[in-house]
Protein backbone atom coordinates (compact mmCIF):
# COMPACT_ATOMS: atom_id res chain seq x y z
CA UNK A 1 0.00 0.00 0.00
CA UNK A 2 2.68 2.48 1.04
CA UNK A 3 5.70 0.82 -0.59
CA UNK A 4 6.01 3.47 -3.30
CA UNK A 5 5.14 6.33 -0.95
CA UNK A 6 7.84 8.62 0.44
CA UNK A 7 8.03 7.77 4.14
CA UNK A 8 9.43 10.18 6.70
CA UNK A 9 8.35 11.42 10.11
CA UNK A 10 4.88 9.99 10.79
CA UNK A 11 2.52 7.70 8.91
CA UNK A 12 -0.93 7.08 10.43
CA UNK A 13 -2.99 3.99 9.59
CA UNK A 14 -5.89 4.50 12.03
CA UNK A 15 -7.50 7.57 13.57
CA UNK A 16 -10.77 7.19 15.46
CA UNK A 17 -11.96 10.71 14.57
CA UNK A 18 -11.53 10.20 10.84
CA UNK A 19 -14.53 10.13 8.49
CA UNK A 20 -13.87 6.44 7.79
CA UNK A 21 -11.46 5.18 10.46
CA UNK A 22 -11.53 1.61 9.07
CA UNK A 23 -11.27 2.58 5.41
CA UNK A 24 -8.11 0.51 4.85
CA UNK A 25 -8.98 -2.11 7.47
CA UNK A 26 -11.06 -5.27 7.51
CA UNK A 27 -12.84 -6.61 10.59
CA UNK A 28 -13.67 -10.09 11.81
CA UNK A 29 -16.10 -10.90 14.61
CA UNK A 30 -17.16 -14.02 16.49
CA UNK A 31 -20.49 -15.25 15.05
CA UNK A 32 -21.46 -18.25 17.17
CA UNK A 33 -24.84 -16.74 18.05
CA UNK A 34 -25.57 -16.12 14.37
CA UNK A 35 -25.10 -19.81 13.67
CA UNK A 36 -27.36 -20.64 16.62
CA UNK A 37 -30.14 -18.44 15.25
CA UNK A 38 -29.76 -19.98 11.77
CA UNK A 39 -30.09 -23.49 13.14
CA UNK A 40 -33.02 -22.39 15.27
CA UNK A 41 -34.87 -20.88 12.31
CA UNK A 42 -34.38 -24.06 10.30
CA UNK A 43 -35.68 -26.28 13.12
CA UNK A 44 -38.68 -24.01 13.67
CA UNK A 45 -39.60 -24.00 9.99
CA UNK A 46 -39.32 -27.75 9.62
CA UNK A 47 -40.92 -28.90 12.86
CA UNK A 48 -43.31 -26.03 13.73
CA UNK A 49 -42.19 -26.14 17.35
CA UNK A 50 -44.41 -24.33 19.82
CA UNK A 51 -43.14 -21.02 21.12
CA UNK A 52 -42.21 -22.07 24.64
CA UNK A 53 -40.29 -25.10 23.35
CA UNK A 54 -38.58 -22.93 20.76
CA UNK A 55 -37.32 -20.55 23.42
CA UNK A 56 -36.03 -23.43 25.55
CA UNK A 57 -34.18 -24.89 22.58
CA UNK A 58 -32.78 -21.44 21.74
CA UNK A 59 -31.37 -21.11 25.25
CA UNK A 60 -29.87 -24.56 25.13
CA UNK A 61 -28.18 -23.94 21.77
CA UNK A 62 -26.64 -20.62 22.69
CA UNK A 63 -25.54 -21.76 26.15
CA UNK A 64 -23.41 -24.41 24.49
CA UNK A 65 -21.77 -21.92 22.15
CA UNK A 66 -20.44 -19.36 24.61
CA UNK A 67 -18.98 -19.20 28.08
CA UNK A 68 -21.62 -19.84 30.79
CA UNK A 69 -20.78 -16.71 32.77
CA UNK A 70 -21.45 -14.39 29.82
CA UNK A 71 -24.61 -16.27 28.90
CA UNK A 72 -26.10 -16.29 32.40
CA UNK A 73 -25.23 -12.70 33.25
CA UNK A 74 -26.64 -11.28 30.02
CA UNK A 75 -29.80 -13.37 30.12
CA UNK A 76 -30.55 -12.87 33.82
CA UNK A 77 -30.04 -9.13 33.42
CA UNK A 78 -32.65 -9.20 30.66
CA UNK A 79 -30.31 -7.53 28.17
CA UNK A 80 -30.97 -9.99 25.35
CA UNK A 81 -30.02 -7.66 22.51
CA UNK A 82 -26.69 -6.82 24.11
CA UNK A 83 -26.21 -10.50 24.93
CA UNK A 84 -26.02 -11.43 21.25
CA UNK A 85 -23.76 -8.45 20.49
CA UNK A 86 -21.24 -9.43 23.18
CA UNK A 87 -21.22 -13.09 22.17
CA UNK A 88 -20.67 -12.16 18.54
CA UNK A 89 -18.10 -9.46 19.22
CA UNK A 90 -18.32 -5.83 18.18
CA UNK A 91 -16.23 -3.26 16.35
CA UNK A 92 -17.85 0.12 16.81
CA UNK A 93 -17.18 3.80 17.34
CA UNK A 94 -18.35 5.37 20.58
CA UNK A 95 -17.52 8.22 22.93
CA UNK A 96 -14.99 7.41 25.62
CA UNK A 97 -15.89 8.79 29.02
CA UNK A 98 -12.29 9.62 29.97
CA UNK A 99 -11.23 11.66 26.96
CA UNK A 100 -14.81 12.68 26.02
CA UNK A 101 -14.19 11.96 22.37
CA UNK A 102 -14.96 9.28 19.80
CA UNK A 103 -12.78 6.15 19.84
CA UNK A 104 -12.88 2.74 18.17
CA UNK A 105 -13.86 -0.15 20.43
CA UNK A 106 -13.08 -3.82 19.72
CA UNK A 107 -14.80 -6.15 22.14
CA UNK A 108 -15.78 -9.80 22.19
CA UNK A 109 -15.83 -12.97 24.25
CA UNK A 110 -13.40 -14.65 21.84
CA UNK A 111 -10.13 -12.71 21.61
CA UNK A 112 -8.65 -14.65 18.71
CA UNK A 113 -11.64 -14.36 16.38
CA UNK A 114 -12.64 -10.73 17.05
CA UNK A 115 -10.18 -8.30 15.46
CA UNK A 116 -9.40 -5.66 12.83
CA UNK A 117 -6.62 -6.14 10.29
CA UNK A 118 -4.76 -3.84 7.90
CA UNK A 119 -4.60 -3.91 4.92
CA UNK A 120 -8.18 -4.97 4.22
CA UNK A 121 -7.06 -7.00 1.19
CA UNK A 122 -5.55 -10.27 2.53
CA UNK A 123 -3.19 -10.39 -0.45
CA UNK A 124 -1.88 -6.84 0.01
CA UNK A 125 0.88 -5.60 2.31
CA UNK A 126 1.50 -2.27 4.01
CA UNK A 127 5.08 -1.84 2.85
CA UNK A 128 5.86 0.56 5.72
CA UNK A 129 9.59 0.96 6.29
CA UNK A 130 9.32 3.26 9.33
CA UNK A 131 10.50 1.13 12.24
CA UNK A 132 8.61 2.54 15.25
CA UNK A 133 5.00 1.56 15.84
CA UNK A 134 2.85 3.57 18.25
CA UNK A 135 -0.63 2.59 19.45
CA UNK A 136 -2.81 4.79 21.65
CA UNK A 137 -4.98 2.19 23.34
CA UNK A 138 -7.25 1.98 26.37
CA UNK A 139 -7.00 -0.87 28.85
CA UNK A 140 -10.46 -2.42 29.30
CA UNK A 141 -9.13 -4.86 31.92
CA UNK A 142 -9.96 -7.82 29.69
CA UNK A 143 -7.90 -10.14 27.51
CA UNK A 144 -6.24 -8.19 24.69
CA UNK A 145 -3.67 -8.87 21.99
CA UNK A 146 -2.25 -7.44 18.79
CA UNK A 147 0.05 -8.74 16.08
CA UNK A 148 2.59 -7.18 13.70
CA UNK A 149 3.87 -9.03 10.62
CA UNK A 150 7.22 -7.83 9.29
CA UNK A 151 9.69 -8.72 6.54
CA UNK A 152 13.39 -9.04 7.43
CA UNK A 153 16.55 -8.89 5.31
CA UNK A 154 16.49 -12.70 4.90
CA UNK A 155 13.21 -12.22 3.01
CA UNK A 156 11.38 -14.08 5.80
CA UNK A 157 8.01 -12.98 7.14
CA UNK A 158 7.98 -12.88 10.95
CA UNK A 159 5.15 -12.08 13.34
CA UNK A 160 5.31 -10.37 16.71
CA UNK A 161 2.28 -11.05 18.89
CA UNK A 162 1.81 -9.19 22.18
CA UNK A 163 -0.86 -10.02 24.74
CA UNK A 164 -1.77 -9.23 28.33
CA UNK A 165 -2.53 -12.89 29.15
CA UNK A 166 0.95 -14.29 28.50
CA UNK A 167 3.73 -14.12 31.07
CA UNK A 168 6.84 -15.20 29.12
CA UNK A 169 8.37 -14.47 25.72
CA UNK A 170 8.58 -17.37 23.25
CA UNK A 171 10.51 -17.21 19.99
CA UNK A 172 9.70 -19.64 17.19
CA UNK A 173 10.99 -19.53 13.59
CA UNK A 174 8.13 -17.44 12.25
CA UNK A 175 6.42 -15.98 15.32
CA UNK A 176 7.52 -14.33 18.54
CA UNK A 177 4.91 -14.08 21.31
CA UNK A 178 5.50 -11.72 24.20
CA UNK A 179 3.68 -10.29 27.23
CA UNK A 180 2.56 -6.70 27.48
CA UNK A 181 1.58 -4.86 30.64
CA UNK A 182 -0.98 -2.07 30.45
CA UNK A 183 -1.67 0.63 33.01
CA UNK A 184 -5.21 1.62 33.93
CA UNK A 185 -6.88 3.87 31.41
CA UNK A 186 -5.17 5.08 28.25
CA UNK A 187 -1.73 3.78 27.23
CA UNK A 188 0.85 4.79 24.67
CA UNK A 189 2.38 1.54 23.35
CA UNK A 190 5.67 2.02 21.50
CA UNK A 191 7.47 -0.77 19.63
CA UNK A 192 10.95 -0.55 18.15
CA UNK A 193 10.58 -3.10 15.34
CA UNK A 194 14.25 -2.89 14.34
CA UNK A 195 15.32 -3.81 17.86
CA UNK A 196 12.69 -6.55 18.22
CA UNK A 197 13.70 -8.19 14.94
CA UNK A 198 17.40 -8.12 15.77
CA UNK A 199 16.95 -9.48 19.29
CA UNK A 200 14.49 -12.23 18.35
CA UNK A 201 15.97 -13.42 15.04
CA UNK A 202 19.37 -11.79 14.60
CA UNK A 203 18.20 -10.23 11.33
CA UNK A 204 17.44 -6.72 10.13
CA UNK A 205 13.98 -5.18 9.88
CA UNK A 206 12.96 -4.22 6.35
CA UNK A 207 9.25 -3.29 6.45
CA UNK A 208 5.91 -3.93 8.14
CA UNK A 209 3.50 -6.03 6.11
CA UNK A 210 0.39 -6.20 8.31
CA UNK A 211 -1.07 -4.94 11.60
CA UNK A 212 -3.84 -6.82 13.42
CA UNK A 213 -5.54 -5.69 16.65
CA UNK A 214 -7.67 -8.13 18.63
CA UNK A 215 -10.31 -7.68 21.32
CA UNK A 216 -10.57 -6.22 23.92
CA UNK A 217 -9.54 -2.56 23.71
CA UNK A 218 -10.35 0.96 22.64
CA UNK A 219 -8.21 2.69 20.03
CA UNK A 220 -7.51 6.34 19.40
CA UNK A 221 -4.64 6.20 16.92
CA UNK A 222 -2.14 3.79 15.33
CA UNK A 223 0.83 5.27 13.52
CA UNK A 224 4.43 4.62 12.48
CA UNK A 225 7.38 6.97 12.92
CA UNK A 226 11.03 7.13 11.90
CA UNK A 227 12.13 7.49 15.55
CA UNK A 228 10.69 7.89 19.03
CA UNK A 229 9.45 11.41 19.64
CA UNK A 230 8.97 13.11 22.98
CA UNK A 231 5.54 14.47 23.88
CA UNK A 232 6.75 17.99 23.16
CA UNK A 233 7.92 17.03 19.66
CA UNK A 234 4.66 15.39 18.59
CA UNK A 235 2.25 17.32 16.36
CA UNK A 236 -1.09 18.12 18.09
CA UNK A 237 -3.06 15.56 16.07
CA UNK A 238 -0.93 12.71 17.47
CA UNK A 239 -1.38 13.65 21.12
CA UNK A 240 -4.04 12.34 23.45
CA UNK A 241 -5.71 15.17 25.32
CA UNK A 242 -7.46 14.48 28.59
CA UNK A 243 -10.18 16.99 29.51
CA UNK A 244 -9.44 19.45 32.30
CA UNK A 245 -10.91 18.48 35.65
CA UNK A 246 -13.27 21.05 37.15
CA UNK A 247 -12.69 21.82 40.83
CA UNK A 248 -15.32 23.39 43.04
CA UNK A 249 -14.18 26.39 45.04
């Protein structure tokens, strides 16, 4: 996508305030409940099951397709519409209460199958040579992971996967998994891809091919830079502004 583009300074690939924040992204969500409803509709049409039996069968189907705690809490609370949304996973834009501005939220009961990925075309690559990746992300105190696929000077595609539910770093020939610790609230994650590639594989970073962000988190911005910049050096559009607190006198 950006291989033939002059790259210097900053290159943003996601901004939650943009007109179309996911314009170059694709999204994938967990659809177990959709399958349950499809099966249910088929059974109802073929067997003409009475309403109370239909509901009982519906509950039984769905309860076997998601974790019991999510199922019971959502159903007991009476929030049936939200129940299906949480089971399926969601990628949506909403207003964050801390920064009082629109952000992108990725949430779902299945971390691995609820995510956004860039580029949207599975056969395309980003071709970004800038070696510092920065993500402005909010900790939702749930399982969360993201993955970066890079190309090194041995012409080998490697993946770096970070998650908050892993405690040790593991390096395999084509993937390196590592833990990440997030503070409460909003975080500024910075990755030096040149350093990661050299330390994990003893090779040199060439370019980033793909970025994938999994549930559960909120995103403000994802961008690449040619070096790490201090807060004072960043342009205003790359900073995260927290609203001023009002104090009663």
